[in-house]
Amino acid sequence: MKVLVTGTAGFIGYHAAKKLIERGDDVTGLDVINDYYDISLKYSRLMHSGIEKDSIEYGKKIESRKHPNYSFIKLDLKDKKGLDDLCKAEKFDIICNLAAQAGVRYSLTNPEAYIDSNIVGFLNILEASRYNGVKHLVYASSSSVYGANESLPFSTSDNVDHPISLYAASKKSNELMAHVYSHLFNIPSTGLRFFTVYGPWGRPDMALFIFTKAILENRPVDIFNYGNMLRDFTYVDDITEGVIRVIDSPPAGNKLWDGKDPNPSSSRSPYKIYNIGNNAPVKLMDFVEAIEEKLGKKAVKNMLPLQAGDVPETFADVHDLIEDMHYKPSTDIKTGISRFIDWYLDYYKV
C-alpha cells in the first residue's frame, strides 16, 4: 500500500513509519519539525530512518538512504496547497495522521498552537482524503478526551463531552470532524485514543523521560497530586502494533447502530473509535520505583498538588480492540521502562 504517515519526526510517528517500512509498504513520512521540544532528537529519529538533516528542504520530497520504500517531506499541515499537491501526486491508499501539537500543560499557555495544528491541520487532512481517493484515514486521538469522566475503565461508548484541556478538546473535535467526512463523503476513518505512550525515542516532555533525566542529574522530580495518580502506561511497540492492525481493517459502518441510543464509538457511516491502552493502570509511585530500580539510584521527590488540565487516573477498556483486531497491548511496565532506559543511556552516552 501507499501510506502517508504524518508526524514521522515525532515519537509515535517514527515508530509507526518504521513498522510499515519493514513490512514492505510504500511509505511517505511528513513532518514540519517544529521546536516544541529539542529538534535534535527529531532529526536523530529521521536519520535512523535514512533521512539526512542536510538534505531536508521545505516542500521537497527526499528518498531514504536506508529504505528504498521510504521517503520524507518537510511540510506543515496548515499548508493546504502543499498537502493537496502531495496527495494529488502520490494518490495514497492510506493516511495515518500522527502529527499534532501535543501536551496538556502546554495548551494552558499556548492555545493557538492547538487550533492551528490540531484543527486547521486536521481539516486539511480530511479535505485531502476527500479529494484524492484515500481508502482509510487513521488518526491519533487521545485518552485526554475522557476529561472529567470518572467512570472506569474508560470505554469508547462513554460520553466525552467534558474535556478539561484545550488539547483534549482539539482531539475530541478531530473525532467529530472525521465523523462528518465519513458520513458525507463515505471516507472510512478510525480514531485511536492512545493512553500514556512511552518507550525508546520518547518525548522529552513525558514523565519517563523527565524522571530518568532528573534522577541521573541528581535533581528532584516533581510528583503531582502527591503521588496519587494512576496511569495506563502503554509501551510504544504495543501502540504501533495496534495502529498497523487498524490500518489494515477499515470500518464498513455498523448496521446495528441505533440513532435512538447512539454509541459514540461507531456509526452507520464507515467510522470507528478505539482505545489503545495497556488495560492495567500503574500507580505513579510504582512507576517511579521501577525507574529507580533500573537506574540503581533513588529519586529526590518534590510532592506537588494536581496540575490544571491533568486527570488523576486513566484506565483503558480495550474490549473492542480485542474483539475486532484480536489484539491487546501486553508489555509490562518494568520491561518497557528497562528498554527505554537502555535506549536513553546509549543515546545520551550516560
Protein backbone atom coordinates (compact mmCIF):
# COMPACT_ATOMS: atom_id res chain seq x y z
CA MET A 1 0.00 0.00 0.00
CA LYS A 2 0.97 3.63 -0.44
CA VAL A 3 0.82 5.20 3.01
CA LEU A 4 1.27 8.79 4.17
CA VAL A 5 2.35 8.92 7.82
CA THR A 6 2.35 12.40 9.33
CA GLY A 7 4.47 13.24 12.35
CA THR A 8 7.38 10.95 11.44
CA ALA A 9 9.96 13.13 13.18
CA GLY A 10 7.84 12.60 16.30
CA PHE A 11 7.74 9.71 18.74
CA ILE A 12 4.81 7.53 17.65
CA GLY A 13 5.06 8.60 14.01
CA TYR A 14 8.69 7.46 13.83
CA HIS A 15 7.83 4.02 15.22
CA ALA A 16 4.70 3.56 13.07
CA ALA A 17 6.53 4.50 9.87
CA LYS A 18 9.37 2.12 10.78
CA LYS A 19 6.95 -0.78 11.19
CA LEU A 20 5.20 -0.04 7.89
CA ILE A 21 8.54 0.28 6.08
CA GLU A 22 9.76 -3.04 7.50
CA ARG A 23 6.71 -4.91 6.25
CA GLY A 24 7.17 -3.50 2.75
CA ASP A 25 4.62 -0.72 2.33
CA ASP A 26 5.48 2.32 0.21
CA VAL A 27 5.71 4.98 2.93
CA THR A 28 5.97 8.75 2.75
CA GLY A 29 6.73 10.49 6.02
CA LEU A 30 5.72 14.08 6.70
CA ASP A 31 6.66 16.47 9.49
CA VAL A 32 7.12 20.21 9.96
CA ILE A 33 9.88 19.60 12.58
CA ASN A 34 8.73 22.33 14.97
CA ASP A 35 10.59 23.32 18.13
CA TYR A 36 8.02 22.22 20.73
CA TYR A 37 10.90 20.17 22.11
CA ASP A 38 14.55 19.54 21.20
CA ILE A 39 14.68 19.32 17.40
CA SER A 40 17.97 17.43 17.50
CA LEU A 41 16.02 14.41 18.79
CA LYS A 42 13.59 14.79 15.88
CA TYR A 43 16.43 14.93 13.37
CA SER A 44 18.00 11.87 15.01
CA ARG A 45 14.78 9.90 14.53
CA LEU A 46 14.76 10.91 10.87
CA MET A 47 18.43 9.97 10.50
CA HIS A 48 17.70 6.49 11.84
CA SER A 49 15.18 6.16 9.01
CA GLY A 50 17.81 7.20 6.46
CA ILE A 51 16.77 10.85 6.13
CA GLU A 52 19.77 13.18 6.41
CA LYS A 53 19.25 16.58 8.02
CA ASP A 54 21.29 18.41 5.37
CA SER A 55 19.07 17.07 2.57
CA ILE A 56 15.82 18.35 4.09
CA GLU A 57 14.19 21.34 2.38
CA TYR A 58 10.65 22.56 2.93
CA GLY A 59 8.27 21.07 0.35
CA LYS A 60 10.91 18.81 -1.22
CA LYS A 61 10.35 15.05 -1.15
CA ILE A 62 13.58 13.17 -0.47
CA GLU A 63 14.41 9.46 -0.55
CA SER A 64 15.75 7.48 2.39
CA ARG A 65 19.35 6.24 2.23
CA LYS A 66 18.37 3.06 4.09
CA HIS A 67 14.97 2.10 2.74
CA PRO A 68 14.01 2.14 -0.96
CA ASN A 69 10.32 2.20 0.03
CA TYR A 70 10.58 5.29 2.26
CA SER A 71 10.68 9.00 1.51
CA PHE A 72 10.16 12.13 3.57
CA ILE A 73 8.83 15.63 3.03
CA LYS A 74 9.03 18.58 5.39
CA LEU A 75 5.58 20.13 5.25
CA ASP A 76 3.20 21.96 7.57
CA LEU A 77 -0.32 20.53 7.75
CA LYS A 78 -1.58 24.12 7.74
CA ASP A 79 -0.12 24.38 4.23
CA LYS A 80 -3.27 23.31 2.41
CA LYS A 81 -1.86 23.70 -1.09
CA GLY A 82 1.32 21.82 -0.26
CA LEU A 83 -0.64 18.94 1.27
CA ASP A 84 -3.16 18.87 -1.60
CA ASP A 85 -0.37 18.82 -4.19
CA LEU A 86 1.40 15.97 -2.39
CA CYS A 87 -1.74 13.84 -2.09
CA LYS A 88 -2.77 14.54 -5.68
CA ALA A 89 0.66 13.47 -6.95
CA GLU A 90 1.05 10.38 -4.76
CA LYS A 91 -2.53 9.02 -4.60
CA PHE A 92 -2.09 7.48 -1.17
CA ASP A 93 -4.21 4.47 -0.23
CA ILE A 94 -3.91 5.27 3.48
CA ILE A 95 -3.32 8.41 5.50
CA CYS A 96 -2.14 7.79 9.06
CA ASN A 97 -2.25 11.16 10.80
CA LEU A 98 0.00 11.08 13.87
CA ALA A 99 1.07 14.74 13.65
CA ALA A 100 -0.35 17.08 16.28
CA GLN A 101 0.51 19.72 18.78
CA ALA A 102 0.86 17.51 21.84
CA GLY A 103 0.89 18.20 25.56
CA VAL A 104 -1.84 19.01 28.08
CA ARG A 105 0.13 21.57 30.11
CA TYR A 106 1.50 23.41 27.08
CA SER A 107 -2.10 24.01 25.94
CA LEU A 108 -2.72 26.15 29.02
CA THR A 109 -0.27 28.80 27.81
CA ASN A 110 -0.18 28.28 24.03
CA PRO A 111 -3.78 27.62 22.96
CA GLU A 112 -3.37 28.97 19.43
CA ALA A 113 -0.90 26.19 18.56
CA TYR A 114 -3.63 23.58 19.13
CA ILE A 115 -6.14 25.29 16.88
CA ASP A 116 -3.56 25.72 14.11
CA SER A 117 -2.13 22.20 14.18
CA ASN A 118 -4.95 20.05 15.52
CA ILE A 119 -7.99 21.75 13.99
CA VAL A 120 -6.87 23.59 10.84
CA GLY A 121 -4.24 20.95 10.05
CA PHE A 122 -6.72 18.11 10.55
CA LEU A 123 -9.30 19.82 8.33
CA ASN A 124 -6.68 19.89 5.57
CA ILE A 125 -6.07 16.15 6.10
CA LEU A 126 -9.80 15.50 5.75
CA GLU A 127 -10.05 17.58 2.59
CA ALA A 128 -7.02 15.83 1.08
CA SER A 129 -8.64 12.48 1.88
CA ARG A 130 -11.91 13.60 0.33
CA TYR A 131 -10.49 14.70 -2.99
CA ASN A 132 -7.75 12.12 -3.52
CA GLY A 133 -9.43 8.74 -3.14
CA VAL A 134 -7.97 7.82 0.26
CA LYS A 135 -9.31 4.40 1.24
CA HIS A 136 -8.79 4.73 5.00
CA LEU A 137 -7.92 7.64 7.28
CA VAL A 138 -6.41 6.60 10.62
CA TYR A 139 -5.69 9.36 13.10
CA ALA A 140 -4.42 9.84 16.65
CA SER A 141 -6.90 10.89 19.27
CA SER A 142 -6.07 10.75 22.97
CA SER A 143 -7.19 9.34 26.32
CA SER A 144 -7.36 13.01 27.36
CA VAL A 145 -10.79 13.25 25.71
CA TYR A 146 -12.30 11.43 28.71
CA GLY A 147 -11.70 14.59 30.74
CA ALA A 148 -13.96 14.88 33.78
CA ASN A 149 -15.41 11.40 33.22
CA GLU A 150 -14.86 9.30 36.37
CA SER A 151 -16.40 6.05 35.12
CA LEU A 152 -13.58 3.49 34.97
CA PRO A 153 -12.32 1.84 32.89
CA PHE A 154 -12.74 4.45 30.16
CA SER A 155 -14.88 2.99 27.40
CA THR A 156 -15.32 4.32 23.87
CA SER A 157 -19.06 4.05 24.49
CA ASP A 158 -18.75 6.69 27.25
CA ASN A 159 -19.80 10.28 26.73
CA VAL A 160 -16.74 12.52 26.32
CA ASP A 161 -18.37 15.94 26.33
CA HIS A 162 -16.40 17.29 29.29
CA PRO A 163 -12.75 17.81 28.27
CA ILE A 164 -10.60 19.70 30.79
CA SER A 165 -7.83 20.95 28.48
CA LEU A 166 -7.81 22.56 25.06
CA TYR A 167 -5.59 19.70 23.88
CA ALA A 168 -8.35 17.25 24.80
CA ALA A 169 -11.00 19.45 23.18
CA SER A 170 -8.97 19.55 19.95
CA LYS A 171 -8.77 15.74 19.88
CA LYS A 172 -12.49 15.38 20.54
CA SER A 173 -13.03 17.85 17.69
CA ASN A 174 -10.97 15.63 15.39
CA GLU A 175 -13.28 12.71 16.13
CA LEU A 176 -16.36 14.81 15.36
CA MET A 177 -14.85 16.24 12.18
CA ALA A 178 -13.87 12.75 10.99
CA HIS A 179 -17.42 11.52 11.51
CA VAL A 180 -18.80 14.31 9.35
CA TYR A 181 -16.48 13.36 6.48
CA SER A 182 -17.22 9.66 6.92
CA HIS A 183 -20.94 10.43 6.80
CA LEU A 184 -20.96 12.94 3.96
CA PHE A 185 -18.21 11.57 1.73
CA ASN A 186 -18.02 7.89 2.72
CA ILE A 187 -14.38 8.13 3.86
CA PRO A 188 -13.56 5.22 6.19
CA SER A 189 -11.99 6.78 9.29
CA THR A 190 -10.66 5.34 12.54
CA GLY A 191 -9.65 7.37 15.58
CA LEU A 192 -7.23 5.92 18.13
CA ARG A 193 -7.29 7.09 21.73
CA PHE A 194 -3.73 6.48 22.92
CA PHE A 195 -3.06 6.01 26.63
CA THR A 196 0.22 7.47 28.04
CA VAL A 197 2.65 6.15 25.46
CA TYR A 198 6.28 5.57 26.49
CA GLY A 199 9.39 3.82 25.18
CA PRO A 200 12.65 4.37 23.26
CA TRP A 201 12.85 7.62 21.27
CA GLY A 202 10.16 9.06 23.56
CA ARG A 203 9.25 12.71 24.03
CA PRO A 204 11.33 14.80 26.48
CA ASP A 205 8.15 16.36 27.93
CA MET A 206 6.79 12.99 29.10
CA ALA A 207 7.14 11.65 32.65
CA LEU A 208 9.52 8.76 31.96
CA PHE A 209 11.98 10.98 30.10
CA ILE A 210 11.76 13.78 32.71
CA PHE A 211 12.15 11.43 35.68
CA THR A 212 15.06 9.49 34.18
CA LYS A 213 16.96 12.67 33.29
CA ALA A 214 16.36 14.26 36.69
CA ILE A 215 17.41 11.19 38.68
CA LEU A 216 20.61 10.82 36.67
CA GLU A 217 21.40 14.51 37.19
CA ASN A 218 20.62 14.38 40.95
CA ARG A 219 17.75 16.84 40.56
CA PRO A 220 14.36 16.46 42.28
CA VAL A 221 11.41 15.05 40.32
CA ASP A 222 8.00 16.75 40.54
CA ILE A 223 5.36 14.27 41.73
CA PHE A 224 1.92 15.74 41.09
CA ASN A 225 -1.23 15.05 43.10
CA TYR A 226 1.17 13.99 45.86
CA GLY A 227 1.73 10.72 44.01
CA ASN A 228 -1.94 9.75 43.97
CA MET A 229 -2.04 9.20 40.23
CA LEU A 230 -2.76 6.10 38.16
CA ARG A 231 -1.78 5.92 34.50
CA ASP A 232 -2.42 3.26 31.89
CA PHE A 233 1.16 3.41 30.59
CA THR A 234 1.35 1.80 27.14
CA TYR A 235 4.59 0.72 25.50
CA VAL A 236 5.19 2.23 22.07
CA ASP A 237 5.58 -1.12 20.25
CA ASP A 238 2.15 -2.13 21.54
CA ILE A 239 0.74 1.15 20.26
CA THR A 240 2.23 0.73 16.78
CA GLU A 241 1.05 -2.88 16.54
CA GLY A 242 -2.45 -1.60 17.23
CA VAL A 243 -2.05 1.16 14.64
CA ILE A 244 -0.96 -1.32 11.95
CA ARG A 245 -3.82 -3.71 12.66
CA VAL A 246 -6.31 -0.85 12.46
CA ILE A 247 -4.78 0.43 9.20
CA ASP A 248 -5.46 -2.99 7.66
CA SER A 249 -9.09 -3.05 8.85
CA PRO A 250 -11.06 -0.02 7.62
CA PRO A 251 -14.53 0.29 9.17
CA ALA A 252 -17.52 -0.52 6.99
CA GLY A 253 -20.23 1.03 9.14
CA ASN A 254 -22.21 -0.53 11.96
CA LYS A 255 -25.53 -1.87 10.65
CA LEU A 256 -26.77 -2.31 14.21
CA TRP A 257 -26.08 1.30 15.19
CA ASP A 258 -29.18 2.87 16.74
CA GLY A 259 -29.78 6.60 16.39
CA LYS A 260 -32.19 6.46 19.34
CA ASP A 261 -29.47 5.04 21.57
CA PRO A 262 -26.30 6.16 19.79
CA ASN A 263 -22.97 4.57 20.64
CA PRO A 264 -20.37 7.33 20.14
CA SER A 265 -17.64 4.88 19.09
CA SER A 266 -19.28 3.78 15.83
CA SER A 267 -21.87 4.83 13.28
CA ARG A 268 -23.87 3.72 10.28
CA SER A 269 -21.13 5.54 8.39
CA PRO A 270 -17.65 3.95 8.00
CA TYR A 271 -16.40 5.39 11.30
CA LYS A 272 -14.84 3.83 14.39
CA ILE A 273 -13.03 4.82 17.60
CA TYR A 274 -10.71 2.53 19.58
CA ASN A 275 -8.83 2.81 22.84
CA ILE A 276 -5.24 1.58 22.68
CA GLY A 277 -4.03 1.17 26.24
CA ASN A 278 -2.39 -1.43 28.41
CA ASN A 279 -5.64 -2.07 30.33
CA ALA A 280 -3.58 -2.17 33.54
CA PRO A 281 -3.14 1.19 35.31
CA VAL A 282 0.04 1.68 37.33
CA LYS A 283 0.43 3.80 40.46
CA LEU A 284 2.72 6.76 39.81
CA MET A 285 4.91 5.85 42.78
CA ASP A 286 5.32 2.29 41.45
CA PHE A 287 6.32 3.80 38.11
CA VAL A 288 8.99 5.94 39.81
CA GLU A 289 10.18 2.93 41.81
CA ALA A 290 10.66 0.91 38.60
CA ILE A 291 12.84 3.72 37.19
CA GLU A 292 14.85 3.84 40.42
CA GLU A 293 15.34 0.08 40.34
CA LYS A 294 16.59 0.09 36.75
CA LEU A 295 18.94 3.04 37.36
CA GLY A 296 20.08 1.75 40.76
CA LYS A 297 19.52 5.22 42.13
CA LYS A 298 16.85 6.86 44.31
CA ALA A 299 14.83 9.88 43.20
CA VAL A 300 14.56 13.07 45.23
CA LYS A 301 10.80 13.66 45.22
CA ASN A 302 9.09 17.06 45.18
CA MET A 303 5.46 16.36 46.10
CA LEU A 304 3.01 18.80 44.47
CA PRO A 305 -0.78 19.20 44.02
CA LEU A 306 -2.65 18.10 40.88
CA GLN A 307 -1.94 20.41 37.94
CA ALA A 308 -4.67 22.12 35.96
CA GLY A 309 -5.75 20.01 32.99
CA ASP A 310 -4.50 16.71 34.48
CA VAL A 311 -6.75 13.82 35.43
CA PRO A 312 -5.89 11.65 38.45
CA GLU A 313 -6.46 8.28 36.75
CA THR A 314 -6.61 6.71 33.29
CA PHE A 315 -7.68 3.15 32.52
CA ALA A 316 -8.45 1.86 29.02
CA ASP A 317 -11.28 -0.52 28.22
CA VAL A 318 -9.90 -2.32 25.14
CA HIS A 319 -12.78 -4.75 24.60
CA ASP A 320 -13.46 -3.50 21.05
CA LEU A 321 -9.77 -3.70 20.11
CA ILE A 322 -9.63 -7.32 21.28
CA GLU A 323 -12.90 -8.25 19.60
CA ASP A 324 -12.26 -6.55 16.25
CA MET A 325 -8.46 -6.71 15.93
CA HIS A 326 -7.74 -9.78 18.08
CA TYR A 327 -5.13 -7.73 19.86
CA LYS A 328 -4.39 -6.44 23.35
CA PRO A 329 -1.28 -4.48 24.45
CA SER A 330 0.71 -6.59 26.89
CA THR A 331 4.18 -5.15 27.63
CA ASP A 332 4.60 -4.83 31.40
CA ILE A 333 5.90 -1.61 32.92
CA LYS A 334 9.26 -2.97 34.13
CA THR A 335 10.10 -4.37 30.71
CA GLY A 336 9.10 -1.15 28.95
CA ILE A 337 10.99 1.10 31.38
CA SER A 338 14.09 -1.08 31.10
CA ARG A 339 14.07 -0.80 27.30
CA PHE A 340 13.60 2.96 27.45
CA ILE A 341 16.44 3.49 29.92
CA ASP A 342 18.76 1.25 27.87
CA TRP A 343 18.00 3.47 24.87
CA TYR A 344 18.39 6.68 26.90
CA LEU A 345 21.80 5.69 28.32
CA ASP A 346 23.03 4.73 24.86
CA TYR A 347 21.61 7.76 23.04
CA TYR A 348 22.92 10.31 25.56
CA LYS A 349 26.12 8.34 26.25
CA VAL A 350 25.49 8.47 30.01
